[in-house]
PDB file of N, CA and C in Angstrom:
ATOM      1  N   MET A   1       0.680  -1.210   0.132  1.00  0.00           N
ATOM      2  CA  MET A   1      -0.379  -0.204   0.286  1.00  0.00           C
ATOM      3  C   MET A   1       0.597   1.523  -0.055  1.00  0.00           C
ATOM      4  N   ARG A   2       0.738   2.433  -0.640  1.00  0.00           N
ATOM      5  CA  ARG A   2       1.149   3.384  -1.339  1.00  0.00           C
ATOM      6  C   ARG A   2       0.715   4.794  -0.232  1.00  0.00           C
ATOM      7  N   ALA A   3       1.737   4.970   0.642  1.00  0.00           N
ATOM      8  CA  ALA A   3       1.420   5.925   1.936  1.00  0.00           C
ATOM      9  C   ALA A   3       1.240   7.679   1.156  1.00  0.00           C
ATOM     10  N   GLU A   4       1.355   7.772   0.302  1.00  0.00           N
ATOM     11  CA  GLU A   4       1.394   9.175  -0.294  1.00  0.00           C
ATOM     12  C   GLU A   4      -0.546   8.998  -1.206  1.00  0.00           C
ATOM     13  N   PHE A   5      -0.434  10.097  -1.743  1.00  0.00           N
ATOM     14  CA  PHE A   5      -1.771   9.709  -2.377  1.00  0.00           C
ATOM     15  C   PHE A   5      -1.883  10.414  -3.289  1.00  0.00           C
ATOM     16  N   ARG A   6      -2.641   9.925  -4.325  1.00  0.00           N
ATOM     17  CA  ARG A   6      -1.890  11.270  -5.550  1.00  0.00           C
ATOM     18  C   ARG A   6      -3.440  11.892  -6.634  1.00  0.00           C
ATOM     19  N   GLU A   7      -3.799  12.769  -6.544  1.00  0.00           N
ATOM     20  CA  GLU A   7      -4.452  13.833  -6.866  1.00  0.00           C
ATOM     21  C   GLU A   7      -4.627  13.279  -9.150  1.00  0.00           C
ATOM     22  N   ALA A   8      -5.820  12.734  -9.186  1.00  0.00           N
ATOM     23  CA  ALA A   8      -6.188  12.516 -10.422  1.00  0.00           C
ATOM     24  C   ALA A   8      -6.580  14.111 -11.303  1.00  0.00           C
ATOM     25  N   GLY A   9      -5.716  14.414 -11.803  1.00  0.00           N
ATOM     26  CA  GLY A   9      -5.978  15.816 -12.764  1.00  0.00           C
ATOM     27  C   GLY A   9      -6.824  16.766 -11.776  1.00  0.00           C
ATOM     28  N   ARG A  10      -7.611  16.660 -12.751  1.00  0.00           N
ATOM     29  CA  ARG A  10      -8.571  18.354 -11.774  1.00  0.00           C
ATOM     30  C   ARG A  10      -9.925  17.475 -11.733  1.00  0.00           C
ATOM     31  N   THR A  11     -10.445  16.116 -11.574  1.00  0.00           N
ATOM     32  CA  THR A  11     -10.916  15.735 -10.841  1.00  0.00           C
ATOM     33  C   THR A  11     -11.226  16.167  -9.418  1.00  0.00           C
ATOM     34  N   GLY A  12     -10.628  16.619  -9.228  1.00  0.00           N
ATOM     35  CA  GLY A  12     -11.117  16.706  -7.296  1.00  0.00           C
ATOM     36  C   GLY A  12     -10.816  14.940  -6.375  1.00  0.00           C
ATOM     37  N   PHE A  13     -11.005  14.121  -7.260  1.00  0.00           N
ATOM     38  CA  PHE A  13     -10.718  13.157  -6.615  1.00  0.00           C
ATOM     39  C   PHE A  13      -8.701  13.178  -6.317  1.00  0.00           C
ATOM     40  N   ASP A  14      -9.206  12.567  -4.606  1.00  0.00           N
ATOM     41  CA  ASP A  14      -7.505  11.785  -4.078  1.00  0.00           C
ATOM     42  C   ASP A  14      -7.226  10.693  -4.264  1.00  0.00           C
ATOM     43  N   PHE A  15      -5.989   9.628  -4.467  1.00  0.00           N
ATOM     44  CA  PHE A  15      -6.465   8.032  -4.720  1.00  0.00           C
ATOM     45  C   PHE A  15      -5.794   7.766  -3.730  1.00  0.00           C
ATOM     46  N   GLU A  16      -5.248   6.673  -3.563  1.00  0.00           N
ATOM     47  CA  GLU A  16      -4.370   6.032  -3.134  1.00  0.00           C
ATOM     48  C   GLU A  16      -4.657   3.922  -3.545  1.00  0.00           C
ATOM     49  N   GLU A  17      -3.559   3.073  -2.521  1.00  0.00           N
ATOM     50  CA  GLU A  17      -3.432   2.387  -3.406  1.00  0.00           C
ATOM     51  C   GLU A  17      -3.982   1.675  -2.015  1.00  0.00           C
ATOM     52  N   ASP A  18      -4.853   0.635  -2.237  1.00  0.00           N
ATOM     53  CA  ASP A  18      -5.294  -0.050  -1.139  1.00  0.00           C
ATOM     54  C   ASP A  18      -4.319  -1.476  -0.308  1.00  0.00           C
ATOM     55  N   SER A  19      -4.851  -1.996   0.673  1.00  0.00           N
ATOM     56  CA  SER A  19      -3.932  -3.312   0.570  1.00  0.00           C
ATOM     57  C   SER A  19      -3.780  -4.333  -0.169  1.00  0.00           C
ATOM     58  N   ALA A  20      -5.501  -4.420  -1.011  1.00  0.00           N
ATOM     59  CA  ALA A  20      -5.808  -5.227  -1.811  1.00  0.00           C
ATOM     60  C   ALA A  20      -4.979  -4.906  -3.218  1.00  0.00           C
ATOM     61  N   GLY A  21      -4.367  -3.396  -3.372  1.00  0.00           N
ATOM     62  CA  GLY A  21      -3.713  -3.412  -5.052  1.00  0.00           C
ATOM     63  C   GLY A  21      -4.456  -2.619  -5.509  1.00  0.00           C
ATOM     64  N   LEU A  22      -6.401  -2.457  -4.677  1.00  0.00           N
ATOM     65  CA  LEU A  22      -7.239  -0.806  -5.908  1.00  0.00           C
ATOM     66  C   LEU A  22      -7.197   0.239  -5.568  1.00  0.00           C
ATOM     67  N   VAL A  23      -6.778   0.950  -6.470  1.00  0.00           N
ATOM     68  CA  VAL A  23      -7.380   1.971  -6.160  1.00  0.00           C
ATOM     69  C   VAL A  23      -8.274   2.694  -5.504  1.00  0.00           C
ATOM     70  N   MET A  24      -7.970   3.662  -4.603  1.00  0.00           N
ATOM     71  CA  MET A  24      -9.585   4.459  -3.132  1.00  0.00           C
ATOM     72  C   MET A  24      -8.927   5.494  -3.405  1.00  0.00           C
ATOM     73  N   VAL A  25     -10.524   6.097  -3.076  1.00  0.00           N
ATOM     74  CA  VAL A  25     -10.343   7.356  -2.822  1.00  0.00           C
ATOM     75  C   VAL A  25      -9.755   7.292  -1.893  1.00  0.00           C
ATOM     76  N   ARG A  26      -8.722   8.251  -1.809  1.00  0.00           N
ATOM     77  CA  ARG A  26      -8.315   8.771  -0.308  1.00  0.00           C
ATOM     78  C   ARG A  26      -9.229   9.499   0.304  1.00  0.00           C
ATOM     79  N   ARG A  27      -9.618  10.892  -0.456  1.00  0.00           N
ATOM     80  CA  ARG A  27      -9.918  12.496  -0.234  1.00  0.00           C
ATOM     81  C   ARG A  27     -10.450  12.561  -1.582  1.00  0.00           C
ATOM     82  N   ILE A  28     -12.138  13.691  -1.174  1.00  0.00           N
ATOM     83  CA  ILE A  28     -12.883  14.223  -2.007  1.00  0.00           C
ATOM     84  C   ILE A  28     -12.607  15.770  -1.971  1.00  0.00           C
ATOM     85  N   ARG A  29     -11.424  16.413  -3.167  1.00  0.00           N
ATOM     86  CA  ARG A  29     -11.527  17.932  -3.019  1.00  0.00           C
ATOM     87  C   ARG A  29     -12.797  18.499  -2.492  1.00  0.00           C
ATOM     88  N   PRO A  30     -13.167  19.823  -1.331  1.00  0.00           N
ATOM     89  CA  PRO A  30     -14.395  20.763  -1.649  1.00  0.00           C
ATOM     90  C   PRO A  30     -13.583  21.511  -2.328  1.00  0.00           C
ATOM     91  N   LYS A  31     -15.235  21.656  -3.272  1.00  0.00           N
ATOM     92  CA  LYS A  31     -15.837  22.611  -4.252  1.00  0.00           C
ATOM     93  C   LYS A  31     -15.121  22.606  -5.628  1.00  0.00           C
ATOM     94  N   SER A  32     -14.956  20.581  -5.134  1.00  0.00           N
ATOM     95  CA  SER A  32     -13.906  20.766  -7.131  1.00  0.00           C
ATOM     96  C   SER A  32     -15.728  19.272  -7.601  1.00  0.00           C
ATOM     97  N   LEU A  33     -15.238  18.881  -9.118  1.00  0.00           N
ATOM     98  CA  LEU A  33     -16.445  17.807  -9.854  1.00  0.00           C
ATOM     99  C   LEU A  33     -16.728  16.210  -9.295  1.00  0.00           C
ATOM    100  N   ALA A  34     -15.725  15.853  -7.596  1.00  0.00           N
ATOM    101  CA  ALA A  34     -15.879  15.051  -7.560  1.00  0.00           C
ATOM    102  C   ALA A  34     -16.856  15.766  -6.028  1.00  0.00           C
ATOM    103  N   ALA A  35     -16.830  16.486  -5.952  1.00  0.00           N
ATOM    104  CA  ALA A  35     -17.742  17.045  -4.431  1.00  0.00           C
ATOM    105  C   ALA A  35     -19.209  16.386  -5.326  1.00  0.00           C
ATOM    106  N   ALA A  36     -19.393  17.453  -6.530  1.00  0.00           N
ATOM    107  CA  ALA A  36     -20.792  17.015  -6.838  1.00  0.00           C
ATOM    108  C   ALA A  36     -21.269  15.937  -6.909  1.00  0.00           C
ATOM    109  N   VAL A  37     -20.263  15.100  -7.125  1.00  0.00           N
ATOM    110  CA  VAL A  37     -21.027  13.262  -7.590  1.00  0.00           C
ATOM    111  C   VAL A  37     -21.897  12.820  -6.210  1.00  0.00           C
ATOM    112  N   PRO A  38     -23.333  12.997  -6.751  1.00  0.00           N
ATOM    113  CA  PRO A  38     -24.137  11.923  -6.047  1.00  0.00           C
ATOM    114  C   PRO A  38     -22.798  11.258  -5.283  1.00  0.00           C
ATOM    115  N   HIS A  39     -22.760  11.106  -3.790  1.00  0.00           N
ATOM    116  CA  HIS A  39     -23.219   9.540  -2.956  1.00  0.00           C
ATOM    117  C   HIS A  39     -21.682   9.520  -3.262  1.00  0.00           C
ATOM    118  N   ALA A  40     -20.529  10.103  -3.799  1.00  0.00           N
ATOM    119  CA  ALA A  40     -19.834  10.068  -3.319  1.00  0.00           C
ATOM    120  C   ALA A  40     -18.723  10.133  -1.867  1.00  0.00           C
ATOM    121  N   CYS A  41     -17.895   9.650  -1.918  1.00  0.00           N
ATOM    122  CA  CYS A  41     -17.018   9.706  -0.677  1.00  0.00           C
ATOM    123  C   CYS A  41     -15.662   8.663  -0.482  1.00  0.00           C
ATOM    124  N   GLU A  42     -15.474   9.566   0.638  1.00  0.00           N
ATOM    125  CA  GLU A  42     -13.899   8.193   0.456  1.00  0.00           C
ATOM    126  C   GLU A  42     -14.482   6.904   0.858  1.00  0.00           C
ATOM    127  N   GLY A  43     -13.478   5.870   0.811  1.00  0.00           N
ATOM    128  CA  GLY A  43     -13.303   4.488   0.620  1.00  0.00           C
ATOM    129  C   GLY A  43     -13.761   3.977  -1.092  1.00  0.00           C
ATOM    130  N   MET A  44     -14.409   4.737  -1.456  1.00  0.00           N
ATOM    131  CA  MET A  44     -14.833   4.300  -2.992  1.00  0.00           C
ATOM    132  C   MET A  44     -13.531   3.540  -3.693  1.00  0.00           C
ATOM    133  N   THR A  45     -13.966   2.455  -4.109  1.00  0.00           N
ATOM    134  CA  THR A  45     -12.841   1.858  -5.290  1.00  0.00           C
ATOM    135  C   THR A  45     -13.531   1.567  -6.330  1.00  0.00           C
ATOM    136  N   VAL A  46     -12.067   2.268  -7.771  1.00  0.00           N
ATOM    137  CA  VAL A  46     -12.595   2.485  -8.732  1.00  0.00           C
ATOM    138  C   VAL A  46     -12.141   0.507  -9.379  1.00  0.00           C
ATOM    139  N   VAL A  47     -13.502   0.776 -10.095  1.00  0.00           N
ATOM    140  CA  VAL A  47     -13.927  -0.856 -10.628  1.00  0.00           C
ATOM    141  C   VAL A  47     -13.613  -0.223 -11.760  1.00  0.00           C
ATOM    142  N   ARG A  48     -14.142   0.297 -13.267  1.00  0.00           N
ATOM    143  CA  ARG A  48     -13.263   0.566 -14.147  1.00  0.00           C
ATOM    144  C   ARG A  48     -13.698   1.915 -14.629  1.00  0.00           C
ATOM    145  N   ILE A  49     -13.040   1.638 -16.072  1.00  0.00           N
ATOM    146  CA  ILE A  49     -12.623   2.946 -16.178  1.00  0.00           C
ATOM    147  C   ILE A  49     -12.430   3.076 -17.861  1.00  0.00           C
ATOM    148  N   GLN A  50     -12.541   4.128 -18.280  1.00  0.00           N
ATOM    149  CA  GLN A  50     -12.542   4.803 -19.879  1.00  0.00           C
ATOM    150  C   GLN A  50     -11.850   6.787 -20.195  1.00  0.00           C
ATOM    151  N   SER A  51     -10.523   5.789 -20.575  1.00  0.00           N
ATOM    152  CA  SER A  51     -10.448   7.576 -20.800  1.00  0.00           C
ATOM    153  C   SER A  51      -9.224   7.468 -22.731  1.00  0.00           C
ATOM    154  N   GLY A  52      -9.461   8.784 -22.835  1.00  0.00           N
ATOM    155  CA  GLY A  52      -9.668   9.036 -24.247  1.00  0.00           C
ATOM    156  C   GLY A  52     -10.561   8.034 -25.045  1.00  0.00           C
ATOM    157  N   ARG A  53     -10.316   8.385 -25.712  1.00  0.00           N
ATOM    158  CA  ARG A  53     -11.221   7.660 -27.090  1.00  0.00           C
ATOM    159  C   ARG A  53     -11.701   6.231 -26.850  1.00  0.00           C
ATOM    160  N   GLY A  54     -10.707   5.126 -26.172  1.00  0.00           N
ATOM    161  CA  GLY A  54     -10.842   3.392 -25.550  1.00  0.00           C
ATOM    162  C   GLY A  54     -11.557   3.064 -24.799  1.00  0.00           C
ATOM    163  N   LYS A  55     -11.613   1.981 -24.842  1.00  0.00           N
ATOM    164  CA  LYS A  55     -12.383   1.624 -23.902  1.00  0.00           C
ATOM    165  C   LYS A  55     -12.719   1.296 -23.688  1.00  0.00           C
ATOM    166  N   GLU A  56     -14.081   0.766 -22.224  1.00  0.00           N
ATOM    167  CA  GLU A  56     -14.409   1.159 -20.676  1.00  0.00           C
ATOM    168  C   GLU A  56     -12.683  -1.178 -20.585  1.00  0.00           C
ATOM    169  N   ARG A  57     -11.719  -1.018 -19.419  1.00  0.00           N
ATOM    170  CA  ARG A  57     -11.407  -1.199 -18.484  1.00  0.00           C
ATOM    171  C   ARG A  57     -11.632  -1.547 -16.804  1.00  0.00           C
ATOM    172  N   GLU A  58     -11.766  -3.020 -17.018  1.00  0.00           N
ATOM    173  CA  GLU A  58     -11.082  -2.978 -15.804  1.00  0.00           C
ATOM    174  C   GLU A  58     -10.761  -2.294 -15.021  1.00  0.00           C
ATOM    175  N   ALA A  59     -10.764  -2.096 -13.893  1.00  0.00           N
ATOM    176  CA  ALA A  59      -9.378  -1.096 -13.034  1.00  0.00           C
ATOM    177  C   ALA A  59      -8.364  -2.875 -12.373  1.00  0.00           C
ATOM    178  N   GLY A  60      -9.154  -3.694 -11.755  1.00  0.00           N
ATOM    179  CA  GLY A  60      -8.986  -4.813 -10.465  1.00  0.00           C
ATOM    180  C   GLY A  60      -7.709  -5.545 -11.222  1.00  0.00           C
ATOM    181  N   GLY A  61      -7.794  -5.874 -12.179  1.00  0.00           N
ATOM    182  CA  GLY A  61      -6.750  -6.444 -13.231  1.00  0.00           C
ATOM    183  C   GLY A  61      -5.556  -5.534 -13.279  1.00  0.00           C
ATOM    184  N   MET A  62      -5.485  -4.255 -13.089  1.00  0.00           N
ATOM    185  CA  MET A  62      -4.193  -2.644 -13.752  1.00  0.00           C
ATOM    186  C   MET A  62      -4.044  -2.203 -12.211  1.00  0.00           C
ATOM    187  N   SER A  63      -2.694  -2.557 -12.369  1.00  0.00           N
ATOM    188  CA  SER A  63      -1.783  -2.142 -11.309  1.00  0.00           C
ATOM    189  C   SER A  63      -1.576  -0.275 -11.039  1.00  0.00           C
ATOM    190  N   TYR A  64      -1.421  -0.113  -9.916  1.00  0.00           N
ATOM    191  CA  TYR A  64      -1.965   1.550  -9.447  1.00  0.00           C
ATOM    192  C   TYR A  64      -1.375   2.133 -11.233  1.00  0.00           C
ATOM    193  N   ASP A  65      -0.175   2.509 -10.937  1.00  0.00           N
ATOM    194  CA  ASP A  65       0.795   2.822 -11.505  1.00  0.00           C
ATOM    195  C   ASP A  65      -0.320   3.348 -13.270  1.00  0.00           C
ATOM    196  N   SER A  66      -0.893   2.083 -13.645  1.00  0.00           N
ATOM    197  CA  SER A  66      -1.432   2.092 -14.972  1.00  0.00           C
ATOM    198  C   SER A  66      -2.840   2.960 -14.743  1.00  0.00           C
ATOM    199  N   VAL A  67      -3.492   2.421 -13.876  1.00  0.00           N
ATOM    200  CA  VAL A  67      -5.133   3.669 -13.829  1.00  0.00           C
ATOM    201  C   VAL A  67      -4.203   5.029 -13.427  1.00  0.00           C
ATOM    202  N   MET A  68      -3.962   5.653 -13.047  1.00  0.00           N
ATOM    203  CA  MET A  68      -2.650   6.552 -12.350  1.00  0.00           C
ATOM    204  C   MET A  68      -3.256   6.827 -13.950  1.00  0.00           C
ATOM    205  N   GLU A  69      -2.123   6.409 -15.115  1.00  0.00           N
ATOM    206  CA  GLU A  69      -1.623   7.055 -16.089  1.00  0.00           C
ATOM    207  C   GLU A  69      -2.686   7.311 -17.041  1.00  0.00           C
ATOM    208  N   MET A  70      -3.104   6.286 -17.286  1.00  0.00           N
ATOM    209  CA  MET A  70      -5.154   6.026 -17.798  1.00  0.00           C
ATOM    210  C   MET A  70      -5.762   7.970 -17.854  1.00  0.00           C
ATOM    211  N   MET A  71      -5.757   8.208 -15.555  1.00  0.00           N
ATOM    212  CA  MET A  71      -6.356   9.023 -15.355  1.00  0.00           C
ATOM    213  C   MET A  71      -6.348  10.055 -16.412  1.00  0.00           C
ATOM    214  N   ALA A  72      -4.218  10.807 -16.965  1.00  0.00           N
ATOM    215  CA  ALA A  72      -4.329  11.045 -17.749  1.00  0.00           C
ATOM    216  C   ALA A  72      -4.652  12.033 -18.813  1.00  0.00           C
ATOM    217  N   ASP A  73      -5.719  11.041 -19.558  1.00  0.00           N
ATOM    218  CA  ASP A  73      -6.323  11.388 -20.538  1.00  0.00           C
ATOM    219  C   ASP A  73      -8.362  12.067 -20.322  1.00  0.00           C
ATOM    220  N   ARG A  74      -8.347  12.520 -21.243  1.00  0.00           N
ATOM    221  CA  ARG A  74      -9.934  13.332 -21.863  1.00  0.00           C
ATOM    222  C   ARG A  74     -10.730  12.987 -22.770  1.00  0.00           C
ATOM    223  N   PRO A  75     -11.381  12.130 -22.722  1.00  0.00           N
ATOM    224  CA  PRO A  75     -12.444  12.950 -21.739  1.00  0.00           C
ATOM    225  C   PRO A  75     -12.455  11.371 -21.007  1.00  0.00           C
ATOM    226  N   LEU A  76     -13.400  11.753 -19.151  1.00  0.00           N
ATOM    227  CA  LEU A  76     -12.583  10.472 -18.396  1.00  0.00           C
ATOM    228  C   LEU A  76     -13.667  10.316 -17.877  1.00  0.00           C
ATOM    229  N   VAL A  77     -14.031   8.599 -17.790  1.00  0.00           N
ATOM    230  CA  VAL A  77     -15.224   7.669 -16.877  1.00  0.00           C
ATOM    231  C   VAL A  77     -14.844   6.976 -15.946  1.00  0.00           C
ATOM    232  N   LEU A  78     -14.848   7.365 -14.705  1.00  0.00           N
ATOM    233  CA  LEU A  78     -14.863   6.660 -14.164  1.00  0.00           C
ATOM    234  C   LEU A  78     -15.777   5.875 -13.386  1.00  0.00           C
ATOM    235  N   THR A  79     -15.835   4.263 -12.722  1.00  0.00           N
ATOM    236  CA  THR A  79     -16.961   3.658 -12.429  1.00  0.00           C
ATOM    237  C   THR A  79     -16.989   3.195 -10.662  1.00  0.00           C
ATOM    238  N   PHE A  80     -17.306   3.510  -9.866  1.00  0.00           N
ATOM    239  CA  PHE A  80     -16.498   3.234  -8.366  1.00  0.00           C
ATOM    240  C   PHE A  80     -17.702   2.015  -7.620  1.00  0.00           C
ATOM    241  N   GLU A  81     -17.028   1.954  -6.819  1.00  0.00           N
ATOM    242  CA  GLU A  81     -18.187   0.359  -6.170  1.00  0.00           C
ATOM    243  C   GLU A  81     -17.655   1.318  -4.662  1.00  0.00           C
ATOM    244  N   HIS A  82     -19.215   1.354  -3.996  1.00  0.00           N
ATOM    245  CA  HIS A  82     -19.257   2.300  -2.948  1.00  0.00           C
ATOM    246  C   HIS A  82     -18.500   0.907  -1.458  1.00  0.00           C
ATOM    247  N   PRO A  83     -18.361   2.012  -1.169  1.00  0.00           N
ATOM    248  CA  PRO A  83     -18.112   0.719   0.709  1.00  0.00           C
ATOM    249  C   PRO A  83     -19.394   0.168   1.103  1.00  0.00           C
ATOM    250  N   TRP A  84     -20.145   1.065   1.849  1.00  0.00           N
ATOM    251  CA  TRP A  84     -21.783   0.443   2.268  1.00  0.00           C
ATOM    252  C   TRP A  84     -22.848  -0.604   1.034  1.00  0.00           C
ATOM    253  N   GLN A  85     -22.791  -1.604   1.400  1.00  0.00           N
ATOM    254  CA  GLN A  85     -23.198  -2.521   0.463  1.00  0.00           C
ATOM    255  C   GLN A  85     -24.404  -3.239   0.977  1.00  0.00           C
ATOM    256  N   ARG A  86     -25.785  -3.245   0.593  1.00  0.00           N
ATOM    257  CA  ARG A  86     -26.978  -4.229   1.087  1.00  0.00           C
ATOM    258  C   ARG A  86     -27.021  -4.913   0.593  1.00  0.00           C
ATOM    259  N   GLN A  87     -27.363  -5.938   1.518  1.00  0.00           N
ATOM    260  CA  GLN A  87     -27.396  -7.556   1.652  1.00  0.00           C
ATOM    261  C   GLN A  87     -28.677  -7.762   2.393  1.00  0.00           C
ATOM    262  N   VAL A  88     -28.830  -8.989   2.454  1.00  0.00           N
ATOM    263  CA  VAL A  88     -29.806  -9.468   3.083  1.00  0.00           C
ATOM    264  C   VAL A  88     -30.237 -10.871   3.857  1.00  0.00           C
ATOM    265  N   ASP A  89     -30.638 -10.743   5.375  1.00  0.00           N
ATOM    266  CA  ASP A  89     -30.302 -11.443   6.315  1.00  0.00           C
ATOM    267  C   ASP A  89     -32.619 -12.097   6.691  1.00  0.00           C
ATOM    268  N   GLY A  90     -32.349 -13.177   6.016  1.00  0.00           N
ATOM    269  CA  GLY A  90     -33.201 -13.826   6.557  1.00  0.00           C
ATOM    270  C   GLY A  90     -34.533 -13.010   5.588  1.00  0.00           C
ATOM    271  N   GLY A  91     -34.620 -12.741   4.644  1.00  0.00           N
ATOM    272  CA  GLY A  91     -35.549 -10.886   4.065  1.00  0.00           C
ATOM    273  C   GLY A  91     -35.230 -10.333   4.653  1.00  0.00           C
ATOM    274  N   THR A  92     -34.488  -9.605   6.052  1.00  0.00           N
ATOM    275  CA  THR A  92     -34.369  -8.276   6.297  1.00  0.00           C
ATOM    276  C   THR A  92     -32.786  -7.724   5.777  1.00  0.00           C
ATOM    277  N   PRO A  93     -33.748  -6.208   5.141  1.00  0.00           N
ATOM    278  CA  PRO A  93     -32.338  -5.773   4.079  1.00  0.00           C
ATOM    279  C   PRO A  93     -31.192  -5.240   5.587  1.00  0.00           C
ATOM    280  N   TYR A  94     -29.503  -5.375   5.323  1.00  0.00           N
ATOM    281  CA  TYR A  94     -28.982  -4.777   6.485  1.00  0.00           C
ATOM    282  C   TYR A  94     -27.926  -4.148   5.861  1.00  0.00           C
ATOM    283  N   TYR A  95     -27.379  -3.628   5.974  1.00  0.00           N
ATOM    284  CA  TYR A  95     -25.928  -2.438   5.191  1.00  0.00           C
ATOM    285  C   TYR A  95     -24.545  -3.016   6.167  1.00  0.00           C
ATOM    286  N   PHE A  96     -23.890  -3.108   5.490  1.00  0.00           N
ATOM    287  CA  PHE A  96     -21.992  -3.808   5.568  1.00  0.00           C
ATOM    288  C   PHE A  96     -21.566  -2.924   4.554  1.00  0.00           C
ATOM    289  N   ASN A  97     -20.921  -2.564   5.366  1.00  0.00           N
ATOM    290  CA  ASN A  97     -19.485  -2.024   4.842  1.00  0.00           C
ATOM    291  C   ASN A  97     -17.784  -3.200   4.774  1.00  0.00           C
ATOM    292  N   ILE A  98     -17.766  -2.473   3.146  1.00  0.00           N
ATOM    293  CA  ILE A  98     -16.485  -3.047   3.086  1.00  0.00           C
ATOM    294  C   ILE A  98     -14.982  -2.914   3.241  1.00  0.00           C
ATOM    295  N   LEU A  99     -15.098  -1.787   4.177  1.00  0.00           N
ATOM    296  CA  LEU A  99     -13.615  -0.947   4.294  1.00  0.00           C
ATOM    297  C   LEU A  99     -13.602  -1.270   6.054  1.00  0.00           C
ATOM    298  N   SER A 100     -14.687  -1.036   6.986  1.00  0.00           N
ATOM    299  CA  SER A 100     -14.496  -1.088   7.810  1.00  0.00           C
ATOM    300  C   SER A 100     -14.876  -2.163   8.677  1.00  0.00           C
ATOM    301  N   GLU A 101     -15.835  -2.694   8.066  1.00  0.00           N
ATOM    302  CA  GLU A 101     -16.624  -3.967   8.552  1.00  0.00           C
ATOM    303  C   GLU A 101     -17.305  -4.008   9.187  1.00  0.00           C
ATOM    304  N   GLU A 102     -18.687  -2.808   9.337  1.00  0.00           N
ATOM    305  CA  GLU A 102     -19.386  -2.883  10.156  1.00  0.00           C
ATOM    306  C   GLU A 102     -20.621  -2.747   9.233  1.00  0.00           C
ATOM    307  N   SER A 103     -21.444  -3.736  10.065  1.00  0.00           N
ATOM    308  CA  SER A 103     -22.959  -3.770   9.783  1.00  0.00           C
ATOM    309  C   SER A 103     -23.894  -2.834  10.363  1.00  0.00           C
ATOM    310  N   VAL A 104     -25.148  -1.983   9.776  1.00  0.00           N
ATOM    311  CA  VAL A 104     -25.998  -1.786  10.839  1.00  0.00           C
ATOM    312  C   VAL A 104     -27.258  -1.350  10.119  1.00  0.00           C
ATOM    313  N   TRP A 105     -28.604  -1.798  10.719  1.00  0.00           N
ATOM    314  CA  TRP A 105     -29.816  -2.075   9.786  1.00  0.00           C
ATOM    315  C   TRP A 105     -30.282  -0.975   9.089  1.00  0.00           C
ATOM    316  N   ASP A 106     -30.201   0.242   9.763  1.00  0.00           N
ATOM    317  CA  ASP A 106     -30.631   1.188   9.243  1.00  0.00           C
ATOM    318  C   ASP A 106     -29.227   1.462   7.996  1.00  0.00           C
ATOM    319  N   ARG A 107     -30.440   2.132   6.345  1.00  0.00           N
ATOM    320  CA  ARG A 107     -29.334   2.305   5.617  1.00  0.00           C
ATOM    321  C   ARG A 107     -28.518   3.727   5.967  1.00  0.00           C
ATOM    322  N   PRO A 108     -27.409   3.784   5.602  1.00  0.00           N
ATOM    323  CA  PRO A 108     -26.489   4.934   6.316  1.00  0.00           C
ATOM    324  C   PRO A 108     -27.030   6.197   5.199  1.00  0.00           C
ATOM    325  N   PRO A 109     -26.312   6.996   5.693  1.00  0.00           N
ATOM    326  CA  PRO A 109     -26.498   8.073   5.503  1.00  0.00           C
ATOM    327  C   PRO A 109     -26.715   8.740   3.874  1.00  0.00           C
ATOM    328  N   VAL A 110     -24.996   7.957   3.503  1.00  0.00           N
ATOM    329  CA  VAL A 110     -24.540   8.527   2.488  1.00  0.00           C
ATOM    330  C   VAL A 110     -24.515   7.858   0.921  1.00  0.00           C
ATOM    331  N   SER A 111     -25.889   6.757   1.446  1.00  0.00           N
ATOM    332  CA  SER A 111     -26.885   6.173  -0.020  1.00  0.00           C
ATOM    333  C   SER A 111     -26.556   5.056   0.806  1.00  0.00           C
ATOM    334  N   HIS A 112     -27.493   3.910  -0.065  1.00  0.00           N
ATOM    335  CA  HIS A 112     -27.628   2.056  -0.441  1.00  0.00           C
ATOM    336  C   HIS A 112     -27.027   1.777  -2.399  1.00  0.00           C
ATOM    337  N   THR A 113     -26.392   3.301  -2.785  1.00  0.00           N
ATOM    338  CA  THR A 113     -26.244   3.104  -3.885  1.00  0.00           C
ATOM    339  C   THR A 113     -25.149   2.374  -4.165  1.00  0.00           C
ATOM    340  N   THR A 114     -24.466   1.152  -4.699  1.00  0.00           N
ATOM    341  CA  THR A 114     -23.535   0.834  -4.960  1.00  0.00           C
ATOM    342  C   THR A 114     -22.213   1.144  -5.594  1.00  0.00           C
ATOM    343  N   VAL A 115     -23.039   2.007  -7.234  1.00  0.00           N
ATOM    344  CA  VAL A 115     -21.696   2.522  -7.660  1.00  0.00           C
ATOM    345  C   VAL A 115     -22.012   3.981  -8.195  1.00  0.00           C
ATOM    346  N   ALA A 116     -21.320   4.413  -7.747  1.00  0.00           N
ATOM    347  CA  ALA A 116     -21.607   6.081  -8.672  1.00  0.00           C
ATOM    348  C   ALA A 116     -20.540   5.702  -9.853  1.00  0.00           C
ATOM    349  N   ARG A 117     -21.210   6.503 -11.130  1.00  0.00           N
ATOM    350  CA  ARG A 117     -20.784   7.466 -11.191  1.00  0.00           C
ATOM    351  C   ARG A 117     -19.841   8.531 -11.911  1.00  0.00           C
ATOM    352  N   ALA A 118     -18.795   8.805 -12.920  1.00  0.00           N
ATOM    353  CA  ALA A 118     -18.217  10.069 -12.750  1.00  0.00           C
ATOM    354  C   ALA A 118     -17.821  10.233 -14.200  1.00  0.00           C
ATOM    355  N   ALA A 119     -17.590  11.577 -15.458  1.00  0.00           N
ATOM    356  CA  ALA A 119     -17.409  11.601 -16.117  1.00  0.00           C
ATOM    357  C   ALA A 119     -16.959  13.745 -15.704  1.00  0.00           C
ATOM    358  N   GLN A 120     -16.405  13.208 -16.962  1.00  0.00           N
ATOM    359  CA  GLN A 120     -15.606  14.140 -17.061  1.00  0.00           C
ATOM    360  C   GLN A 120     -14.992  14.611 -18.503  1.00  0.00           C
ATOM    361  N   GLU A 121     -15.318  15.771 -19.214  1.00  0.00           N
ATOM    362  CA  GLU A 121     -14.596  16.118 -19.971  1.00  0.00           C
ATOM    363  C   GLU A 121     -13.725  17.482 -20.213  1.00  0.00           C
ATOM    364  N   VAL A 122     -12.525  17.093 -20.883  1.00  0.00           N
ATOM    365  CA  VAL A 122     -11.824  18.828 -19.861  1.00  0.00           C
ATOM    366  C   VAL A 122     -11.094  18.479 -21.523  1.00  0.00           C
ATOM    367  N   THR A 123     -11.321  20.192 -21.594  1.00  0.00           N
ATOM    368  CA  THR A 123     -10.214  19.941 -23.897  1.00  0.00           C
ATOM    369  C   THR A 123      -9.069  20.786 -23.315  1.00  0.00           C
TER     370      THR A 123
END
């Protein structure tokens, strides 16, 4: 896991590599494009990336450096996995945070949405 984290262009997301080698949102800069993404939060992981005019790729099999390099190209589309996942126990829904391993019965204030999508086109 990297100690430093990097900002991806002017998106407003700061990223770091998590212990599993995934690219994770470490911080969201206030008043940025990222801050305007509904349900965006620290801990989201990049699951798919499309940059430039290339096709969408799964980020899970890519190195941290490769993902960061792709984020330099525009247009940029990132698909995230949200840390709060909706689960069902005997027909009753609950919410599990894959980062903190916390479980709660009530929907967390961030949302039960599992995927947030952010797109940016910069010339």
